[in-house]
Amino acid sequence: MTRRQAFQAVLFDLDGTLLDTAPDLGHAANLMRERRGLPPLDEAYYRPRASSGARGMIEAAFGLTPQHPDYEAFRLEYLDTYGAVLTRRTQPFDGVADVIAALERAGLPWGVVTNKVERFALPLTAAIPLFTHAATVVGGDTTPHAKPHPAPLLEAARRLDVVPDACLYVGDDERDIVAGRAAGMGTVAARYGYLGVDADVEAWAADAVIDAPPELLNFLGLA
């Protein structure tokens, strides 16, 4: 990509891109299994499904899809359970703090655009010092549409007062890249994140693919 020098802001997905939330997401599912007399499942089983949030965790833990008549009750229970353990084990991925520090030294504003609803996204980011200087946090219910619709990304750009095509969006799910491209932004796929089962990252047609957070600085010319 040749526009990297023109980027005026960097936006990030949250789960699987900035934060390793899989331990708490999976722990909430295991607490529900425990209530039902079921053994816990290994975190590695939950991890590829973490980008799908409650839906992914419920399907992983109980084999229930949204079409199942009991799904909604399980979903509501899961959300309450996850809310109680939101920050127990969640941490930034290795190297993320250095990336954020480099962006701030370069004077590049940065923010978060996630499909995590504000009920969880706002207290989670408020509890972690990494986000002290985040310019904005846009949740999955901040606008009428969630990703892959571009509306949340466009709202973030509006809040930062930066035109969309001067923004770079970094995410670990195909919907992140779809949303970024639809918003007219540069896109970077984070291959270290929660890619899901059988994900073909190269087929997403992102402008770049990174295998670790610090590689973003190389792409931006800030290394």
C-alpha atoms as a PDB file:
ATOM      1  CA  MET A   1       0.000   0.000   0.000  1.00  0.00           C
ATOM      2  CA  THR A   2       1.357   3.430  -0.866  1.00  0.00           C
ATOM      3  CA  ARG A   3      -0.833   5.647   1.326  1.00  0.00           C
ATOM      4  CA  ARG A   4       0.755   4.831   4.676  1.00  0.00           C
ATOM      5  CA  GLN A   5       2.376   8.267   5.010  1.00  0.00           C
ATOM      6  CA  ALA A   6      -1.067   9.876   4.683  1.00  0.00           C
ATOM      7  CA  PHE A   7      -2.734   8.083   7.597  1.00  0.00           C
ATOM      8  CA  GLN A   8      -3.909  10.529  10.214  1.00  0.00           C
ATOM      9  CA  ALA A   9      -5.487   8.046  12.650  1.00  0.00           C
ATOM     10  CA  VAL A  10      -5.443   4.342  13.476  1.00  0.00           C
ATOM     11  CA  LEU A  11      -8.527   2.419  14.566  1.00  0.00           C
ATOM     12  CA  PHE A  12      -8.469  -1.034  16.115  1.00  0.00           C
ATOM     13  CA  ASP A  13     -10.829  -3.890  16.725  1.00  0.00           C
ATOM     14  CA  LEU A  14     -10.780  -4.886  20.408  1.00  0.00           C
ATOM     15  CA  ASP A  15     -11.099  -8.630  21.044  1.00  0.00           C
ATOM     16  CA  GLY A  16      -8.291 -10.524  19.346  1.00  0.00           C
ATOM     17  CA  THR A  17      -6.554  -7.375  18.118  1.00  0.00           C
ATOM     18  CA  LEU A  18      -5.703  -5.233  21.140  1.00  0.00           C
ATOM     19  CA  LEU A  19      -6.910  -7.440  23.976  1.00  0.00           C
ATOM     20  CA  ASP A  20      -6.705 -11.156  24.637  1.00  0.00           C
ATOM     21  CA  THR A  21     -10.227 -11.512  26.019  1.00  0.00           C
ATOM     22  CA  ALA A  22     -10.560 -15.233  25.280  1.00  0.00           C
ATOM     23  CA  PRO A  23      -9.659 -16.309  28.846  1.00  0.00           C
ATOM     24  CA  ASP A  24     -12.588 -14.387  30.344  1.00  0.00           C
ATOM     25  CA  LEU A  25     -14.962 -15.219  27.487  1.00  0.00           C
ATOM     26  CA  GLY A  26     -14.208 -18.903  27.895  1.00  0.00           C
ATOM     27  CA  HIS A  27     -14.292 -18.713  31.687  1.00  0.00           C
ATOM     28  CA  ALA A  28     -17.841 -17.347  31.561  1.00  0.00           C
ATOM     29  CA  ALA A  29     -18.901 -20.261  29.364  1.00  0.00           C
ATOM     30  CA  ASN A  30     -17.240 -22.715  31.744  1.00  0.00           C
ATOM     31  CA  LEU A  31     -19.074 -21.178  34.698  1.00  0.00           C
ATOM     32  CA  MET A  32     -22.316 -21.926  32.885  1.00  0.00           C
ATOM     33  CA  ARG A  33     -21.165 -25.481  32.240  1.00  0.00           C
ATOM     34  CA  GLU A  34     -20.278 -25.837  35.914  1.00  0.00           C
ATOM     35  CA  ARG A  35     -23.804 -24.823  36.924  1.00  0.00           C
ATOM     36  CA  ARG A  36     -25.071 -27.688  34.797  1.00  0.00           C
ATOM     37  CA  GLY A  37     -22.662 -30.263  36.163  1.00  0.00           C
ATOM     38  CA  LEU A  38     -20.505 -30.285  33.043  1.00  0.00           C
ATOM     39  CA  PRO A  39     -16.692 -30.304  33.044  1.00  0.00           C
ATOM     40  CA  PRO A  40     -14.820 -27.206  31.880  1.00  0.00           C
ATOM     41  CA  LEU A  41     -13.478 -26.990  28.358  1.00  0.00           C
ATOM     42  CA  ASP A  42      -9.921 -25.955  27.615  1.00  0.00           C
ATOM     43  CA  GLU A  43      -9.275 -22.308  26.777  1.00  0.00           C
ATOM     44  CA  ALA A  44      -7.669 -23.383  23.492  1.00  0.00           C
ATOM     45  CA  TYR A  45     -11.056 -24.749  22.398  1.00  0.00           C
ATOM     46  CA  TYR A  46     -12.776 -21.425  22.974  1.00  0.00           C
ATOM     47  CA  ARG A  47     -10.034 -19.203  21.542  1.00  0.00           C
ATOM     48  CA  PRO A  48     -10.780 -19.550  17.773  1.00  0.00           C
ATOM     49  CA  ARG A  49     -14.437 -18.742  18.492  1.00  0.00           C
ATOM     50  CA  ALA A  50     -13.815 -15.693  20.662  1.00  0.00           C
ATOM     51  CA  SER A  51     -14.448 -13.165  17.881  1.00  0.00           C
ATOM     52  CA  SER A  52     -18.032 -14.408  17.703  1.00  0.00           C
ATOM     53  CA  GLY A  53     -18.713 -13.291  21.283  1.00  0.00           C
ATOM     54  CA  ALA A  54     -21.665 -14.790  23.140  1.00  0.00           C
ATOM     55  CA  ARG A  55     -22.884 -16.652  20.062  1.00  0.00           C
ATOM     56  CA  GLY A  56     -19.519 -18.320  19.581  1.00  0.00           C
ATOM     57  CA  MET A  57     -19.107 -19.205  23.245  1.00  0.00           C
ATOM     58  CA  ILE A  58     -22.592 -20.681  23.571  1.00  0.00           C
ATOM     59  CA  GLU A  59     -22.160 -22.768  20.457  1.00  0.00           C
ATOM     60  CA  ALA A  60     -18.732 -23.936  21.640  1.00  0.00           C
ATOM     61  CA  ALA A  61     -19.867 -24.777  25.171  1.00  0.00           C
ATOM     62  CA  PHE A  62     -23.321 -26.201  24.483  1.00  0.00           C
ATOM     63  CA  GLY A  63     -23.702 -26.727  20.750  1.00  0.00           C
ATOM     64  CA  LEU A  64     -26.606 -24.274  20.623  1.00  0.00           C
ATOM     65  CA  THR A  65     -27.130 -21.966  17.655  1.00  0.00           C
ATOM     66  CA  PRO A  66     -29.480 -18.961  17.511  1.00  0.00           C
ATOM     67  CA  GLN A  67     -32.104 -21.177  15.895  1.00  0.00           C
ATOM     68  CA  HIS A  68     -32.415 -23.330  19.035  1.00  0.00           C
ATOM     69  CA  PRO A  69     -35.458 -22.502  21.208  1.00  0.00           C
ATOM     70  CA  ASP A  70     -33.284 -22.284  24.334  1.00  0.00           C
ATOM     71  CA  TYR A  71     -30.620 -20.090  22.759  1.00  0.00           C
ATOM     72  CA  GLU A  72     -31.936 -16.724  23.935  1.00  0.00           C
ATOM     73  CA  ALA A  73     -32.111 -17.816  27.569  1.00  0.00           C
ATOM     74  CA  PHE A  74     -28.547 -19.130  27.340  1.00  0.00           C
ATOM     75  CA  ARG A  75     -27.431 -15.894  25.687  1.00  0.00           C
ATOM     76  CA  LEU A  76     -28.873 -13.707  28.433  1.00  0.00           C
ATOM     77  CA  GLU A  77     -27.321 -15.903  31.117  1.00  0.00           C
ATOM     78  CA  TYR A  78     -23.992 -15.796  29.337  1.00  0.00           C
ATOM     79  CA  LEU A  79     -24.007 -12.000  29.097  1.00  0.00           C
ATOM     80  CA  ASP A  80     -24.697 -11.637  32.808  1.00  0.00           C
ATOM     81  CA  THR A  81     -22.010 -14.190  33.635  1.00  0.00           C
ATOM     82  CA  TYR A  82     -19.424 -12.590  31.374  1.00  0.00           C
ATOM     83  CA  GLY A  83     -20.182  -9.159  32.789  1.00  0.00           C
ATOM     84  CA  ALA A  84     -19.220 -10.445  36.237  1.00  0.00           C
ATOM     85  CA  VAL A  85     -15.774 -11.668  35.100  1.00  0.00           C
ATOM     86  CA  LEU A  86     -15.080  -9.060  32.426  1.00  0.00           C
ATOM     87  CA  THR A  87     -11.591  -8.060  33.561  1.00  0.00           C
ATOM     88  CA  ARG A  88     -10.389 -11.069  35.541  1.00  0.00           C
ATOM     89  CA  ARG A  89      -7.900 -12.489  33.014  1.00  0.00           C
ATOM     90  CA  THR A  90      -8.058 -10.142  30.032  1.00  0.00           C
ATOM     91  CA  GLN A  91      -4.759  -8.513  29.054  1.00  0.00           C
ATOM     92  CA  PRO A  92      -3.349  -6.646  26.047  1.00  0.00           C
ATOM     93  CA  PHE A  93      -1.501  -8.879  23.619  1.00  0.00           C
ATOM     94  CA  ASP A  94       2.293  -8.779  23.851  1.00  0.00           C
ATOM     95  CA  GLY A  95       3.609  -5.767  22.002  1.00  0.00           C
ATOM     96  CA  VAL A  96       0.340  -3.834  21.922  1.00  0.00           C
ATOM     97  CA  ALA A  97       1.410  -1.354  24.604  1.00  0.00           C
ATOM     98  CA  ASP A  98       4.555  -0.558  22.608  1.00  0.00           C
ATOM     99  CA  VAL A  99       2.477   0.005  19.460  1.00  0.00           C
ATOM    100  CA  ILE A 100       0.136   2.399  21.257  1.00  0.00           C
ATOM    101  CA  ALA A 101       3.066   4.263  22.798  1.00  0.00           C
ATOM    102  CA  ALA A 102       4.658   4.665  19.353  1.00  0.00           C
ATOM    103  CA  LEU A 103       1.425   5.996  17.867  1.00  0.00           C
ATOM    104  CA  GLU A 104       1.142   8.519  20.653  1.00  0.00           C
ATOM    105  CA  ARG A 105       4.758   9.635  20.239  1.00  0.00           C
ATOM    106  CA  ALA A 106       4.051  10.141  16.543  1.00  0.00           C
ATOM    107  CA  GLY A 107       1.000  12.232  17.344  1.00  0.00           C
ATOM    108  CA  LEU A 108      -1.386   9.793  15.655  1.00  0.00           C
ATOM    109  CA  PRO A 109      -4.782   9.621  17.364  1.00  0.00           C
ATOM    110  CA  TRP A 110      -6.145   6.123  17.812  1.00  0.00           C
ATOM    111  CA  GLY A 111      -9.400   4.542  18.825  1.00  0.00           C
ATOM    112  CA  VAL A 112     -11.425   1.364  19.100  1.00  0.00           C
ATOM    113  CA  VAL A 113     -14.250   0.081  16.909  1.00  0.00           C
ATOM    114  CA  THR A 114     -15.620  -3.200  18.227  1.00  0.00           C
ATOM    115  CA  ASN A 115     -18.741  -5.303  17.904  1.00  0.00           C
ATOM    116  CA  LYS A 116     -18.656  -5.703  21.688  1.00  0.00           C
ATOM    117  CA  VAL A 117     -21.665  -3.773  22.937  1.00  0.00           C
ATOM    118  CA  GLU A 118     -21.066  -0.665  25.014  1.00  0.00           C
ATOM    119  CA  ARG A 119     -22.275  -2.487  28.138  1.00  0.00           C
ATOM    120  CA  PHE A 120     -18.976  -4.388  28.042  1.00  0.00           C
ATOM    121  CA  ALA A 121     -16.702  -2.354  25.776  1.00  0.00           C
ATOM    122  CA  LEU A 122     -16.824   0.848  27.807  1.00  0.00           C
ATOM    123  CA  PRO A 123     -16.148  -0.592  31.302  1.00  0.00           C
ATOM    124  CA  LEU A 124     -13.547  -2.981  29.931  1.00  0.00           C
ATOM    125  CA  THR A 125     -11.521  -0.261  28.240  1.00  0.00           C
ATOM    126  CA  ALA A 126     -12.020   2.057  31.208  1.00  0.00           C
ATOM    127  CA  ALA A 127     -10.488  -0.564  33.508  1.00  0.00           C
ATOM    128  CA  ILE A 128      -7.298  -1.060  31.486  1.00  0.00           C
ATOM    129  CA  PRO A 129      -4.658   1.723  31.560  1.00  0.00           C
ATOM    130  CA  LEU A 130      -3.744   1.083  27.911  1.00  0.00           C
ATOM    131  CA  PHE A 131      -6.879   2.964  26.859  1.00  0.00           C
ATOM    132  CA  THR A 132      -6.291   6.126  28.890  1.00  0.00           C
ATOM    133  CA  HIS A 133      -5.562   8.143  25.767  1.00  0.00           C
ATOM    134  CA  ALA A 134      -7.857   6.361  23.314  1.00  0.00           C
ATOM    135  CA  ALA A 135      -9.620   9.047  21.296  1.00  0.00           C
ATOM    136  CA  THR A 136     -12.849   7.060  21.060  1.00  0.00           C
ATOM    137  CA  VAL A 137     -14.443   3.689  21.762  1.00  0.00           C
ATOM    138  CA  VAL A 138     -17.262   2.752  19.384  1.00  0.00           C
ATOM    139  CA  GLY A 139     -19.230  -0.336  20.412  1.00  0.00           C
ATOM    140  CA  GLY A 140     -21.381  -2.756  18.502  1.00  0.00           C
ATOM    141  CA  ASP A 141     -24.529  -0.869  19.487  1.00  0.00           C
ATOM    142  CA  THR A 142     -23.169   2.683  19.273  1.00  0.00           C
ATOM    143  CA  THR A 143     -24.621   3.032  15.777  1.00  0.00           C
ATOM    144  CA  PRO A 144     -27.664   1.256  14.309  1.00  0.00           C
ATOM    145  CA  HIS A 145     -25.335  -1.205  12.557  1.00  0.00           C
ATOM    146  CA  ALA A 146     -22.449  -3.392  13.658  1.00  0.00           C
ATOM    147  CA  LYS A 147     -19.532  -4.572  11.526  1.00  0.00           C
ATOM    148  CA  PRO A 148     -19.270  -5.633   8.719  1.00  0.00           C
ATOM    149  CA  HIS A 149     -21.387  -2.525   8.089  1.00  0.00           C
ATOM    150  CA  PRO A 150     -19.109   0.524   7.796  1.00  0.00           C
ATOM    151  CA  ALA A 151     -21.270   2.735  10.043  1.00  0.00           C
ATOM    152  CA  PRO A 152     -19.270   2.182  13.258  1.00  0.00           C
ATOM    153  CA  LEU A 153     -16.006   2.984  11.495  1.00  0.00           C
ATOM    154  CA  LEU A 154     -17.452   6.091   9.918  1.00  0.00           C
ATOM    155  CA  GLU A 155     -18.700   7.192  13.335  1.00  0.00           C
ATOM    156  CA  ALA A 156     -15.202   6.760  14.786  1.00  0.00           C
ATOM    157  CA  ALA A 157     -13.709   8.831  11.976  1.00  0.00           C
ATOM    158  CA  ARG A 158     -16.321  11.520  12.594  1.00  0.00           C
ATOM    159  CA  ARG A 159     -15.469  11.607  16.289  1.00  0.00           C
ATOM    160  CA  LEU A 160     -11.772  11.931  15.499  1.00  0.00           C
ATOM    161  CA  ASP A 161     -12.509  14.592  12.884  1.00  0.00           C
ATOM    162  CA  VAL A 162     -10.477  12.630  10.328  1.00  0.00           C
ATOM    163  CA  VAL A 163     -11.706  11.773   6.847  1.00  0.00           C
ATOM    164  CA  PRO A 164     -12.251   7.999   6.490  1.00  0.00           C
ATOM    165  CA  ASP A 165      -9.655   7.484   3.772  1.00  0.00           C
ATOM    166  CA  ALA A 166      -7.015   8.926   6.104  1.00  0.00           C
ATOM    167  CA  CYS A 167      -7.797   6.209   8.695  1.00  0.00           C
ATOM    168  CA  LEU A 168      -6.253   2.768   9.017  1.00  0.00           C
ATOM    169  CA  TYR A 169      -8.327  -0.035  10.552  1.00  0.00           C
ATOM    170  CA  VAL A 170      -6.736  -3.100  12.145  1.00  0.00           C
ATOM    171  CA  GLY A 171      -8.735  -6.238  12.947  1.00  0.00           C
ATOM    172  CA  ASP A 172      -8.557 -10.001  13.267  1.00  0.00           C
ATOM    173  CA  ASP A 173     -11.814 -10.994  11.564  1.00  0.00           C
ATOM    174  CA  GLU A 174     -12.905 -10.879   7.943  1.00  0.00           C
ATOM    175  CA  ARG A 175     -15.798  -8.604   8.876  1.00  0.00           C
ATOM    176  CA  ASP A 176     -13.246  -6.055  10.100  1.00  0.00           C
ATOM    177  CA  ILE A 177     -11.612  -5.920   6.705  1.00  0.00           C
ATOM    178  CA  VAL A 178     -14.964  -5.839   4.911  1.00  0.00           C
ATOM    179  CA  ALA A 179     -16.100  -2.938   7.107  1.00  0.00           C
ATOM    180  CA  GLY A 180     -12.834  -1.073   6.711  1.00  0.00           C
ATOM    181  CA  ARG A 181     -12.871  -1.349   2.942  1.00  0.00           C
ATOM    182  CA  ALA A 182     -16.537  -0.319   2.800  1.00  0.00           C
ATOM    183  CA  ALA A 183     -15.660   2.766   4.860  1.00  0.00           C
ATOM    184  CA  GLY A 184     -12.868   3.640   2.441  1.00  0.00           C
ATOM    185  CA  MET A 185     -10.150   3.048   5.033  1.00  0.00           C
ATOM    186  CA  GLY A 186      -6.843   1.270   4.809  1.00  0.00           C
ATOM    187  CA  THR A 187      -7.003  -2.187   6.373  1.00  0.00           C
ATOM    188  CA  VAL A 188      -4.608  -4.472   8.213  1.00  0.00           C
ATOM    189  CA  ALA A 189      -5.452  -8.061   9.180  1.00  0.00           C
ATOM    190  CA  ALA A 190      -4.077  -9.257  12.528  1.00  0.00           C
ATOM    191  CA  ARG A 191      -3.215 -12.895  11.928  1.00  0.00           C
ATOM    192  CA  TYR A 192      -2.227 -13.355  15.600  1.00  0.00           C
ATOM    193  CA  GLY A 193      -5.849 -12.851  16.730  1.00  0.00           C
ATOM    194  CA  TYR A 194      -8.979 -14.986  16.904  1.00  0.00           C
ATOM    195  CA  LEU A 195      -9.131 -16.003  13.274  1.00  0.00           C
ATOM    196  CA  GLY A 196     -11.817 -18.600  13.621  1.00  0.00           C
ATOM    197  CA  VAL A 197     -11.871 -22.060  12.164  1.00  0.00           C
ATOM    198  CA  ASP A 198     -10.444 -22.416   8.640  1.00  0.00           C
ATOM    199  CA  ALA A 199      -9.934 -18.667   8.172  1.00  0.00           C
ATOM    200  CA  ASP A 200      -8.115 -17.756   4.955  1.00  0.00           C
ATOM    201  CA  VAL A 201      -6.572 -14.403   5.880  1.00  0.00           C
ATOM    202  CA  GLU A 202      -4.965 -13.842   2.518  1.00  0.00           C
ATOM    203  CA  ALA A 203      -8.378 -14.051   0.846  1.00  0.00           C
ATOM    204  CA  TRP A 204      -9.652 -11.107   2.890  1.00  0.00           C
ATOM    205  CA  ALA A 205      -7.716  -8.726   0.618  1.00  0.00           C
ATOM    206  CA  ALA A 206      -6.477  -6.498   3.428  1.00  0.00           C
ATOM    207  CA  ASP A 207      -3.799  -3.978   2.545  1.00  0.00           C
ATOM    208  CA  ALA A 208      -1.395  -5.781   4.886  1.00  0.00           C
ATOM    209  CA  VAL A 209      -1.276  -8.819   7.169  1.00  0.00           C
ATOM    210  CA  ILE A 210       0.672  -8.782  10.438  1.00  0.00           C
ATOM    211  CA  ASP A 211       1.699 -11.750  12.578  1.00  0.00           C
ATOM    212  CA  ALA A 212       2.450  -9.708  15.708  1.00  0.00           C
ATOM    213  CA  PRO A 213       1.386  -6.230  16.891  1.00  0.00           C
ATOM    214  CA  PRO A 214       4.818  -4.552  16.408  1.00  0.00           C
ATOM    215  CA  GLU A 215       4.682  -5.311  12.683  1.00  0.00           C
ATOM    216  CA  LEU A 216       2.067  -2.588  12.407  1.00  0.00           C
ATOM    217  CA  LEU A 217       4.781  -0.034  13.168  1.00  0.00           C
ATOM    218  CA  ASN A 218       6.824  -1.350  10.250  1.00  0.00           C
ATOM    219  CA  PHE A 219       3.824  -0.900   7.973  1.00  0.00           C
ATOM    220  CA  LEU A 220       3.331   2.648   9.209  1.00  0.00           C
ATOM    221  CA  GLY A 221       7.016   3.477   8.970  1.00  0.00           C
ATOM    222  CA  LEU A 222       7.259   4.095  12.714  1.00  0.00           C
ATOM    223  CA  ALA A 223       9.569   1.233  13.680  1.00  0.00           C
END
